[in-house]
C-alpha atoms as a PDB file:
ATOM      1  CA  MET A   1     -36.562 174.184-110.943  1.00  0.00           C
ATOM      2  CA  LEU A   2     -36.288 172.196-107.761  1.00  0.00           C
ATOM      3  CA  ALA A   3     -34.216 168.480-107.452  1.00  0.00           C
ATOM      4  CA  GLN A   4     -36.561 165.256-108.423  1.00  0.00           C
ATOM      5  CA  ARG A   5     -35.441 164.564-105.036  1.00  0.00           C
ATOM      6  CA  THR A   6     -37.750 166.769-103.280  1.00  0.00           C
ATOM      7  CA  ALA A   7     -40.661 165.144-104.208  1.00  0.00           C
ATOM      8  CA  LEU A   8     -39.445 162.518-101.673  1.00  0.00           C
ATOM      9  CA  PHE A   9     -40.493 164.526 -99.099  1.00  0.00           C
ATOM     10  CA  LYS A  10     -43.484 164.129 -97.025  1.00  0.00           C
ATOM     11  CA  SER A  11     -45.960 166.491 -96.274  1.00  0.00           C
ATOM     12  CA  SER A  12     -46.178 167.834 -92.322  1.00  0.00           C
ATOM     13  CA  GLY A  13     -49.328 165.212 -90.670  1.00  0.00           C
ATOM     14  CA  THR A  14     -50.005 168.444 -88.464  1.00  0.00           C
ATOM     15  CA  ALA A  15     -50.397 170.761 -91.909  1.00  0.00           C
ATOM     16  CA  ALA A  16     -52.435 168.160 -93.350  1.00  0.00           C
ATOM     17  CA  ALA A  17     -54.916 168.059 -90.419  1.00  0.00           C
ATOM     18  CA  SER A  18     -54.898 171.796 -89.525  1.00  0.00           C
ATOM     19  CA  ALA A  19     -56.261 171.888 -93.702  1.00  0.00           C
ATOM     20  CA  ALA A  20     -58.935 169.045 -92.734  1.00  0.00           C
ATOM     21  CA  ALA A  21     -60.053 171.269 -89.771  1.00  0.00           C
ATOM     22  CA  LYS A  22     -60.034 174.498 -91.914  1.00  0.00           C
ATOM     23  CA  ALA A  23     -62.298 172.544 -94.425  1.00  0.00           C
ATOM     24  CA  VAL A  24     -64.709 171.428 -91.854  1.00  0.00           C
ATOM     25  CA  ALA A  25     -65.011 174.636 -90.208  1.00  0.00           C
ATOM     26  CA  ALA A  26     -65.319 176.215 -93.554  1.00  0.00           C
ATOM     27  CA  SER A  27     -68.457 174.311 -93.809  1.00  0.00           C
ATOM     28  CA  GLY A  28     -70.167 175.656 -91.450  1.00  0.00           C
ATOM     29  CA  LYS A  29     -69.506 173.395 -88.506  1.00  0.00           C
ATOM     30  CA  GLU A  30     -68.244 174.726 -84.929  1.00  0.00           C
ATOM     31  CA  ILE A  31     -64.564 172.870 -84.689  1.00  0.00           C
ATOM     32  CA  ILE A  32     -62.076 173.565 -81.698  1.00  0.00           C
ATOM     33  CA  ASP A  33     -58.924 173.176 -84.008  1.00  0.00           C
ATOM     34  CA  LEU A  34     -55.731 171.643 -81.870  1.00  0.00           C
ATOM     35  CA  THR A  35     -53.807 170.686 -84.435  1.00  0.00           C
ATOM     36  CA  ALA A  36     -51.275 173.605 -84.666  1.00  0.00           C
ATOM     37  CA  GLY A  37     -50.794 174.595 -81.088  1.00  0.00           C
ATOM     38  CA  GLU A  38     -51.556 178.029 -82.453  1.00  0.00           C
ATOM     39  CA  ILE A  39     -52.619 180.715 -79.325  1.00  0.00           C
ATOM     40  CA  TRP A  40     -56.420 181.714 -79.319  1.00  0.00           C
ATOM     41  CA  SER A  41     -55.859 184.969 -77.629  1.00  0.00           C
ATOM     42  CA  HIS A  42     -54.658 188.116 -78.858  1.00  0.00           C
ATOM     43  CA  THR A  43     -51.113 188.956 -78.340  1.00  0.00           C
ATOM     44  CA  ALA A  44     -50.460 190.747 -74.928  1.00  0.00           C
ATOM     45  CA  PRO A  45     -49.942 194.648 -75.534  1.00  0.00           C
ATOM     46  CA  SER A  46     -46.400 194.079 -73.606  1.00  0.00           C
ATOM     47  CA  VAL A  47     -45.193 191.589 -76.408  1.00  0.00           C
ATOM     48  CA  ARG A  48     -46.574 194.169 -79.342  1.00  0.00           C
ATOM     49  CA  GLU A  49     -44.517 196.676 -77.772  1.00  0.00           C
ATOM     50  CA  GLY A  50     -41.350 194.478 -76.885  1.00  0.00           C
ATOM     51  CA  ALA A  51     -41.437 193.856 -80.647  1.00  0.00           C
ATOM     52  CA  ILE A  52     -41.572 196.976 -81.855  1.00  0.00           C
ATOM     53  CA  ALA A  53     -39.122 198.364 -79.671  1.00  0.00           C
ATOM     54  CA  ALA A  54     -36.787 195.594 -80.786  1.00  0.00           C
ATOM     55  CA  ILE A  55     -37.223 196.449 -84.458  1.00  0.00           C
ATOM     56  CA  ASN A  56     -36.975 200.180 -83.721  1.00  0.00           C
ATOM     57  CA  CYS A  57     -33.707 199.325 -82.195  1.00  0.00           C
ATOM     58  CA  ASN A  58     -32.504 197.365 -85.210  1.00  0.00           C
ATOM     59  CA  ILE A  59     -32.800 194.001 -83.590  1.00  0.00           C
ATOM     60  CA  ASN A  60     -34.136 191.846 -86.249  1.00  0.00           C
ATOM     61  CA  ARG A  61     -31.871 189.402 -87.148  1.00  0.00           C
ATOM     62  CA  TYR A  62     -31.444 185.688 -86.647  1.00  0.00           C
ATOM     63  CA  THR A  63     -30.717 184.901 -83.049  1.00  0.00           C
ATOM     64  CA  ASP A  64     -28.864 181.980 -81.874  1.00  0.00           C
ATOM     65  CA  THR A  65     -31.119 178.558 -82.234  1.00  0.00           C
ATOM     66  CA  LEU A  66     -31.945 178.479 -78.498  1.00  0.00           C
ATOM     67  CA  GLY A  67     -32.999 182.641 -78.413  1.00  0.00           C
ATOM     68  CA  LEU A  68     -31.627 185.725 -77.466  1.00  0.00           C
ATOM     69  CA  MET A  69     -29.165 185.042 -74.342  1.00  0.00           C
ATOM     70  CA  GLU A  70     -30.724 188.307 -73.254  1.00  0.00           C
ATOM     71  CA  LEU A  71     -34.121 186.887 -73.165  1.00  0.00           C
ATOM     72  CA  ARG A  72     -33.414 183.308 -72.022  1.00  0.00           C
ATOM     73  CA  HIS A  73     -31.200 185.211 -69.061  1.00  0.00           C
ATOM     74  CA  ALA A  74     -34.601 186.985 -68.359  1.00  0.00           C
ATOM     75  CA  LEU A  75     -37.182 184.323 -68.441  1.00  0.00           C
ATOM     76  CA  ALA A  76     -34.672 181.993 -66.110  1.00  0.00           C
ATOM     77  CA  ARG A  77     -34.770 185.027 -63.417  1.00  0.00           C
ATOM     78  CA  LYS A  78     -38.721 185.060 -63.818  1.00  0.00           C
ATOM     79  CA  ILE A  79     -39.091 181.413 -64.139  1.00  0.00           C
ATOM     80  CA  SER A  80     -36.996 180.911 -60.725  1.00  0.00           C
ATOM     81  CA  ALA A  81     -38.749 183.939 -58.793  1.00  0.00           C
ATOM     82  CA  GLU A  82     -42.144 182.171 -60.142  1.00  0.00           C
ATOM     83  CA  THR A  83     -41.174 178.516 -58.604  1.00  0.00           C
ATOM     84  CA  ALA A  84     -38.596 179.040 -56.010  1.00  0.00           C
ATOM     85  CA  GLN A  85     -36.208 176.789 -58.125  1.00  0.00           C
ATOM     86  CA  PRO A  86     -33.535 177.680 -59.360  1.00  0.00           C
ATOM     87  CA  TRP A  87     -33.162 178.196 -63.292  1.00  0.00           C
ATOM     88  CA  SER A  88     -30.503 179.202 -65.394  1.00  0.00           C
ATOM     89  CA  ALA A  89     -30.516 180.260 -69.206  1.00  0.00           C
ATOM     90  CA  ASP A  90     -28.919 177.282 -70.376  1.00  0.00           C
ATOM     91  CA  GLU A  91     -32.043 175.314 -69.353  1.00  0.00           C
ATOM     92  CA  ILE A  92     -34.111 177.967 -71.647  1.00  0.00           C
ATOM     93  CA  ALA A  93     -34.926 177.600 -75.073  1.00  0.00           C
ATOM     94  CA  VAL A  94     -37.214 180.467 -77.085  1.00  0.00           C
ATOM     95  CA  THR A  95     -38.284 178.915 -80.057  1.00  0.00           C
ATOM     96  CA  THR A  96     -40.918 179.284 -82.871  1.00  0.00           C
ATOM     97  CA  GLY A  97     -42.752 176.041 -81.969  1.00  0.00           C
ATOM     98  CA  ALA A  98     -42.303 172.547 -80.313  1.00  0.00           C
ATOM     99  CA  LYS A  99     -41.288 170.990 -83.612  1.00  0.00           C
ATOM    100  CA  GLN A 100     -38.204 173.379 -83.758  1.00  0.00           C
ATOM    101  CA  ALA A 101     -37.631 173.042 -79.960  1.00  0.00           C
ATOM    102  CA  LEU A 102     -37.262 168.919 -80.303  1.00  0.00           C
ATOM    103  CA  LEU A 103     -35.553 169.241 -83.609  1.00  0.00           C
ATOM    104  CA  THR A 104     -32.788 171.634 -81.864  1.00  0.00           C
ATOM    105  CA  GLN A 105     -32.494 169.441 -78.856  1.00  0.00           C
ATOM    106  CA  LEU A 106     -31.875 166.456 -81.267  1.00  0.00           C
ATOM    107  CA  TRP A 107     -29.107 167.918 -83.240  1.00  0.00           C
ATOM    108  CA  SER A 108     -27.474 169.218 -79.823  1.00  0.00           C
ATOM    109  CA  LEU A 109     -27.119 165.090 -78.869  1.00  0.00           C
END
Protein backbone atom coordinates (compact mmCIF):
# COMPACT_ATOMS: atom_id res chain seq x y z
CA MET A 1 0.00 0.00 0.00
CA LEU A 2 1.25 3.51 -0.81
CA ALA A 3 1.77 6.08 1.89
CA GLN A 4 -1.22 8.35 2.52
CA ARG A 5 0.87 11.38 1.60
CA THR A 6 0.82 10.24 -2.03
CA ALA A 7 -2.77 11.54 -2.12
CA LEU A 8 -1.24 15.02 -1.93
CA PHE A 9 0.29 14.66 -5.40
CA LYS A 10 -1.51 16.60 -8.09
CA SER A 11 -2.09 14.96 -11.44
CA SER A 12 -0.28 16.31 -14.45
CA GLY A 13 -2.07 19.10 -16.29
CA THR A 14 -0.60 17.77 -19.51
CA ALA A 15 -2.00 14.29 -18.81
CA ALA A 16 -5.44 15.74 -18.04
CA ALA A 17 -5.45 17.83 -21.21
CA SER A 18 -4.27 14.82 -23.24
CA ALA A 19 -7.05 12.65 -21.81
CA ALA A 20 -9.62 15.33 -22.65
CA ALA A 21 -8.30 15.59 -26.21
CA LYS A 22 -8.49 11.80 -26.62
CA ALA A 23 -12.07 11.80 -25.32
CA VAL A 24 -13.07 14.46 -27.84
CA ALA A 25 -11.35 12.51 -30.65
CA ALA A 26 -13.09 9.30 -29.53
CA SER A 27 -16.44 11.07 -29.86
CA GLY A 28 -15.76 11.40 -33.57
CA LYS A 29 -14.63 15.00 -33.73
CA GLU A 30 -11.49 15.82 -35.67
CA ILE A 31 -8.86 17.19 -33.33
CA ILE A 32 -5.21 18.09 -33.43
CA ASP A 33 -3.77 17.15 -30.06
CA LEU A 34 -0.77 19.30 -29.16
CA THR A 35 -0.85 18.51 -25.45
CA ALA A 36 1.89 15.91 -25.04
CA GLY A 37 4.35 17.15 -27.65
CA GLU A 38 4.55 13.74 -29.29
CA ILE A 39 5.95 13.34 -32.77
CA TRP A 40 3.28 12.54 -35.34
CA SER A 41 5.56 10.82 -37.81
CA HIS A 42 6.97 7.32 -37.91
CA THR A 43 10.35 6.75 -36.32
CA ALA A 44 13.11 7.15 -38.90
CA PRO A 45 14.66 3.84 -40.03
CA SER A 46 18.12 5.01 -38.89
CA VAL A 47 16.78 5.62 -35.37
CA ARG A 48 15.06 2.22 -35.23
CA GLU A 49 18.17 0.46 -36.55
CA GLY A 50 20.39 2.36 -34.08
CA ALA A 51 18.15 1.36 -31.17
CA ILE A 52 18.21 -2.28 -32.22
CA ALA A 53 22.00 -2.18 -32.66
CA ALA A 54 22.40 -0.66 -29.18
CA ILE A 55 20.24 -3.40 -27.65
CA ASN A 56 22.25 -6.05 -29.49
CA CYS A 57 25.44 -4.54 -27.99
CA ASN A 58 23.87 -4.59 -24.50
CA ILE A 59 23.68 -0.80 -24.38
CA ASN A 60 20.37 -0.93 -22.58
CA ARG A 61 20.96 0.48 -19.11
CA TYR A 62 20.25 3.83 -17.52
CA THR A 63 22.50 6.56 -18.85
CA ASP A 64 23.78 9.78 -17.38
CA THR A 65 20.89 12.18 -16.73
CA LEU A 66 21.93 14.28 -19.70
CA GLY A 67 22.34 11.31 -22.06
CA LEU A 68 25.20 9.21 -23.41
CA MET A 69 28.35 11.30 -23.74
CA GLU A 70 29.18 9.70 -27.10
CA LEU A 71 25.77 10.75 -28.45
CA ARG A 72 26.15 14.26 -27.06
CA HIS A 73 29.57 14.58 -28.76
CA ALA A 74 28.09 13.38 -32.06
CA LEU A 75 25.18 15.82 -31.76
CA ALA A 76 27.56 18.68 -30.94
CA ARG A 77 29.59 17.91 -34.08
CA LYS A 78 26.43 17.72 -36.21
CA ILE A 79 24.90 20.93 -34.87
CA SER A 80 28.23 22.75 -35.13
CA ALA A 81 28.55 21.74 -38.78
CA GLU A 82 24.93 22.65 -39.60
CA THR A 83 24.94 26.03 -37.84
CA ALA A 84 28.59 27.09 -38.31
CA GLN A 85 28.57 27.80 -34.56
CA PRO A 86 30.74 25.90 -32.09
CA TRP A 87 28.84 23.54 -29.76
CA SER A 88 30.28 21.23 -27.13
CA ALA A 89 28.85 18.07 -25.63
CA ASP A 90 28.50 19.96 -22.34
CA GLU A 91 25.90 22.17 -24.01
CA ILE A 92 23.81 19.21 -25.23
CA ALA A 93 21.22 17.23 -23.29
CA VAL A 94 19.39 14.17 -24.59
CA THR A 95 16.26 13.64 -22.53
CA THR A 96 12.90 11.92 -22.75
CA GLY A 97 11.15 15.25 -23.00
CA ALA A 98 10.97 18.89 -22.03
CA LYS A 99 9.77 18.24 -18.47
CA GLN A 100 12.77 16.03 -17.75
CA ALA A 101 15.14 18.54 -19.34
CA LEU A 102 13.75 21.43 -17.29
CA LEU A 103 13.77 19.45 -14.06
CA THR A 104 17.32 18.25 -14.68
CA GLN A 105 18.37 21.85 -15.31
CA LEU A 106 16.73 22.97 -12.05
CA TRP A 107 18.52 20.21 -10.12
CA SER A 108 21.87 21.36 -11.44
CA LEU A 109 21.45 24.95 -10.21
